Amino acid sequence: MTLMSVLAMALGLSGCVSLSPDGGMAPVRNIAFAELNADAVKISTQGESAAAAERVAALLKRPLTAGAAV
């Protein structure tokens, strides 16, 4: 095979890759839970973003410990 045909095939096959309906969050959630004993969520909307910002602001008002940092 020539270099051009290999590159064309690689480019064509890369279009076949797709994420799961959850946007690939399942592996992230699994790793976060296994390593940190915490949940990870995908922020997709303005409402979720605002709620997350409020949660961060509330958390930052408390003293920061090593456990709380994680």
N, C-alpha and C. Protein backbone atom coordinates (compact mmCIF):
# COMPACT_ATOMS: atom_id res chain seq x y z
N MET A 1 0.83 -1.18 0.00
CA MET A 1 0.00 0.00 0.00
C MET A 1 0.87 1.24 0.00
N THR A 2 0.42 2.22 -0.66
CA THR A 2 1.16 3.47 -0.67
C THR A 2 0.75 4.31 0.54
N LEU A 3 1.55 5.27 0.83
CA LEU A 3 1.27 6.15 1.96
C LEU A 3 -0.06 6.88 1.78
N MET A 4 -0.36 7.30 0.57
CA MET A 4 -1.61 8.02 0.31
C MET A 4 -2.82 7.12 0.56
N SER A 5 -2.76 5.86 0.17
CA SER A 5 -3.90 4.98 0.37
C SER A 5 -4.09 4.67 1.86
N VAL A 6 -3.00 4.55 2.59
CA VAL A 6 -3.09 4.31 4.03
C VAL A 6 -3.71 5.53 4.71
N LEU A 7 -3.28 6.72 4.35
CA LEU A 7 -3.84 7.94 4.93
C LEU A 7 -5.31 8.10 4.57
N ALA A 8 -5.67 7.80 3.33
CA ALA A 8 -7.07 7.90 2.91
C ALA A 8 -7.94 6.91 3.68
N MET A 9 -7.44 5.70 3.90
CA MET A 9 -8.20 4.71 4.63
C MET A 9 -8.35 5.13 6.10
N ALA A 10 -7.31 5.63 6.70
CA ALA A 10 -7.36 6.08 8.09
C ALA A 10 -8.34 7.24 8.24
N LEU A 11 -8.32 8.15 7.31
CA LEU A 11 -9.24 9.29 7.34
C LEU A 11 -10.68 8.82 7.17
N GLY A 12 -10.90 7.89 6.28
CA GLY A 12 -12.24 7.37 6.05
C GLY A 12 -12.78 6.61 7.24
N LEU A 13 -11.95 5.81 7.88
CA LEU A 13 -12.38 5.03 9.03
C LEU A 13 -12.60 5.89 10.26
N SER A 14 -11.92 7.01 10.34
CA SER A 14 -12.10 7.86 11.52
C SER A 14 -13.51 8.43 11.58
N GLY A 15 -14.20 8.52 10.47
CA GLY A 15 -15.58 9.00 10.46
C GLY A 15 -16.55 7.99 11.03
N CYS A 16 -16.14 6.75 11.22
CA CYS A 16 -17.01 5.71 11.75
C CYS A 16 -17.06 5.71 13.27
N VAL A 17 -16.17 6.42 13.90
CA VAL A 17 -16.11 6.45 15.35
C VAL A 17 -17.19 7.38 15.88
N SER A 18 -17.93 6.92 16.88
CA SER A 18 -18.94 7.78 17.49
C SER A 18 -18.98 7.52 18.99
N LEU A 19 -19.50 8.48 19.72
CA LEU A 19 -19.62 8.35 21.16
C LEU A 19 -20.97 7.72 21.50
N SER A 20 -21.05 7.23 22.70
CA SER A 20 -22.31 6.67 23.20
C SER A 20 -23.31 7.81 23.42
N PRO A 21 -24.58 7.49 23.61
CA PRO A 21 -25.58 8.54 23.81
C PRO A 21 -25.29 9.48 25.00
N ASP A 22 -24.55 8.99 25.98
CA ASP A 22 -24.22 9.85 27.12
C ASP A 22 -22.98 10.71 26.87
N GLY A 23 -22.49 10.72 25.64
CA GLY A 23 -21.35 11.55 25.29
C GLY A 23 -20.02 11.03 25.81
N GLY A 24 -19.96 9.75 26.14
CA GLY A 24 -18.72 9.17 26.63
C GLY A 24 -18.50 9.35 28.13
N MET A 25 -19.56 9.69 28.86
CA MET A 25 -19.41 9.95 30.29
C MET A 25 -19.33 8.68 31.14
N ALA A 26 -19.79 7.54 30.64
CA ALA A 26 -19.78 6.31 31.45
C ALA A 26 -18.36 5.96 31.93
N PRO A 27 -17.36 5.95 31.06
CA PRO A 27 -16.01 5.65 31.56
C PRO A 27 -15.50 6.70 32.55
N VAL A 28 -15.85 7.95 32.31
CA VAL A 28 -15.43 9.02 33.23
C VAL A 28 -16.04 8.80 34.60
N ARG A 29 -17.35 8.50 34.62
CA ARG A 29 -18.05 8.24 35.88
C ARG A 29 -17.43 7.05 36.61
N ASN A 30 -17.14 6.00 35.86
CA ASN A 30 -16.56 4.80 36.48
C ASN A 30 -15.21 5.09 37.10
N ILE A 31 -14.37 5.81 36.40
CA ILE A 31 -13.04 6.13 36.93
C ILE A 31 -13.14 7.07 38.12
N ALA A 32 -13.99 8.09 38.03
CA ALA A 32 -14.15 9.02 39.15
C ALA A 32 -14.63 8.31 40.39
N PHE A 33 -15.58 7.38 40.22
CA PHE A 33 -16.09 6.67 41.39
C PHE A 33 -15.04 5.73 41.95
N ALA A 34 -14.34 5.01 41.08
CA ALA A 34 -13.34 4.05 41.55
C ALA A 34 -12.16 4.74 42.23
N GLU A 35 -11.70 5.84 41.67
CA GLU A 35 -10.51 6.50 42.19
C GLU A 35 -10.80 7.53 43.28
N LEU A 36 -11.93 8.22 43.17
CA LEU A 36 -12.21 9.32 44.09
C LEU A 36 -13.43 9.09 44.98
N ASN A 37 -14.16 8.00 44.71
CA ASN A 37 -15.41 7.74 45.40
C ASN A 37 -16.36 8.93 45.26
N ALA A 38 -16.37 9.49 44.05
CA ALA A 38 -17.20 10.66 43.76
C ALA A 38 -17.86 10.48 42.40
N ASP A 39 -18.94 11.20 42.18
CA ASP A 39 -19.65 11.11 40.92
C ASP A 39 -19.18 12.23 39.99
N ALA A 40 -19.22 11.98 38.71
CA ALA A 40 -18.92 12.99 37.70
C ALA A 40 -20.15 13.15 36.83
N VAL A 41 -20.50 14.38 36.52
CA VAL A 41 -21.67 14.63 35.68
C VAL A 41 -21.29 15.54 34.52
N LYS A 42 -22.03 15.40 33.45
CA LYS A 42 -21.82 16.24 32.28
C LYS A 42 -22.75 17.45 32.39
N ILE A 43 -22.20 18.63 32.24
CA ILE A 43 -22.99 19.86 32.28
C ILE A 43 -23.31 20.22 30.83
N SER A 44 -24.60 20.15 30.50
CA SER A 44 -25.01 20.32 29.10
C SER A 44 -25.85 21.56 28.84
N THR A 45 -26.46 22.11 29.88
CA THR A 45 -27.37 23.24 29.66
C THR A 45 -26.94 24.44 30.51
N GLN A 46 -27.52 25.59 30.19
CA GLN A 46 -27.24 26.79 30.97
C GLN A 46 -27.72 26.62 32.41
N GLY A 47 -28.86 25.94 32.59
CA GLY A 47 -29.38 25.71 33.93
C GLY A 47 -28.45 24.84 34.76
N GLU A 48 -27.93 23.78 34.14
CA GLU A 48 -26.97 22.92 34.85
C GLU A 48 -25.70 23.69 35.17
N SER A 49 -25.28 24.55 34.27
CA SER A 49 -24.08 25.36 34.49
C SER A 49 -24.28 26.32 35.65
N ALA A 50 -25.44 26.95 35.71
CA ALA A 50 -25.74 27.88 36.81
C ALA A 50 -25.80 27.14 38.14
N ALA A 51 -26.42 25.96 38.15
CA ALA A 51 -26.50 25.17 39.38
C ALA A 51 -25.12 24.74 39.83
N ALA A 52 -24.26 24.37 38.90
CA ALA A 52 -22.89 23.97 39.25
C ALA A 52 -22.12 25.16 39.81
N ALA A 53 -22.30 26.33 39.22
CA ALA A 53 -21.61 27.53 39.72
C ALA A 53 -22.06 27.86 41.14
N GLU A 54 -23.36 27.72 41.41
CA GLU A 54 -23.87 27.95 42.77
C GLU A 54 -23.27 26.95 43.75
N ARG A 55 -23.18 25.71 43.32
CA ARG A 55 -22.61 24.65 44.19
C ARG A 55 -21.14 24.94 44.49
N VAL A 56 -20.40 25.35 43.48
CA VAL A 56 -18.98 25.68 43.67
C VAL A 56 -18.85 26.85 44.64
N ALA A 57 -19.67 27.88 44.47
CA ALA A 57 -19.61 29.04 45.36
C ALA A 57 -19.90 28.63 46.80
N ALA A 58 -20.89 27.76 47.00
CA ALA A 58 -21.22 27.29 48.35
C ALA A 58 -20.06 26.49 48.94
N LEU A 59 -19.45 25.64 48.13
CA LEU A 59 -18.32 24.83 48.62
C LEU A 59 -17.12 25.69 48.98
N LEU A 60 -16.90 26.76 48.23
CA LEU A 60 -15.74 27.62 48.49
C LEU A 60 -15.92 28.47 49.74
N LYS A 61 -17.13 28.57 50.26
CA LYS A 61 -17.35 29.33 51.49
C LYS A 61 -16.94 28.53 52.73
N ARG A 62 -16.80 27.20 52.58
CA ARG A 62 -16.41 26.34 53.69
C ARG A 62 -14.89 26.22 53.74
N PRO A 63 -14.34 25.87 54.92
CA PRO A 63 -12.89 25.63 55.00
C PRO A 63 -12.48 24.48 54.06
N LEU A 64 -11.35 24.62 53.43
CA LEU A 64 -10.87 23.62 52.48
C LEU A 64 -9.98 22.61 53.20
N THR A 65 -10.40 21.35 53.14
CA THR A 65 -9.59 20.27 53.68
C THR A 65 -9.14 19.40 52.50
N ALA A 66 -8.24 18.47 52.75
CA ALA A 66 -7.76 17.59 51.69
C ALA A 66 -8.92 16.77 51.12
N GLY A 67 -9.78 16.25 51.99
CA GLY A 67 -10.92 15.47 51.53
C GLY A 67 -11.92 16.30 50.77
N ALA A 68 -12.16 17.52 51.22
CA ALA A 68 -13.10 18.40 50.53
C ALA A 68 -12.57 18.84 49.18
N ALA A 69 -11.25 18.94 49.04
CA ALA A 69 -10.66 19.36 47.78
C ALA A 69 -10.94 18.33 46.68
N VAL A 70 -11.00 17.07 47.05
CA VAL A 70 -11.28 16.03 46.07
C VAL A 70 -12.75 16.02 45.78
